[in-house]
């Protein structure tokens, strides 16, 4: 059953942990689209991302197809992070600081790539063991060798699996998921509440199905100030 707006706000204020999606939520862009552009196959991959986020194909299928077009080398990934580091969404740094001040654990759960997400986590002082994301695989010569299909985030429903695992591992009762896409929305339940984020891109089905939908992290910071 979906929480009401006031219930969602209360769960957020009293959360044991807050889990954020990364692409188009914590950062302004979709990491896989940026990687595709950098490797010269941007248009083909952007269209597939749109389908994946809209929920019209399974996440794993979309990820496999997009990566088979990109076929990025380790060197290209490293160069992307150096030359075009991910752009943080305004307000996220302050929001994470406020959550940490209140001893609320912060996790990043992403269908994107760990190498990019680690860079983001470091900027936000989020421990690297609080990251759940997909791992790219490379051959010894640095060429693309696929991705680790055993990671829960490689599957549709994977974010929910991670949240169930976190609840058990850390003994968390109230866990809030924040994100822009279909894969974030479907993580609630097991998440106690979901907050839709439309500050970078608005996905209509997510907006319609969120009891609390925000377009700026300032709205969440303001809510924490009520404590």
Foldseek 3Di string as FASTA:
>chain_A
DADALVVQLVLLLVFLAEEEEPACTQFQHHVLLLLCVLQPNNPVLVVLVVCCQLPVDWQLVSVQVSCVVNFDFQVSVVVCCVVPQTHGAPPNLVLLVLCVVVNRAYAYEYQAELVNVVVSCVVNVHDSVRYQYKYWDADPVRTGDGTDCVGLSSGQLSLLVVVVVCCVVVVTDAYEYEEAGPSRVSSPVVHVFYEHEDLNHHNPVCVVPHSHYYNGCVVVVVSNVVD
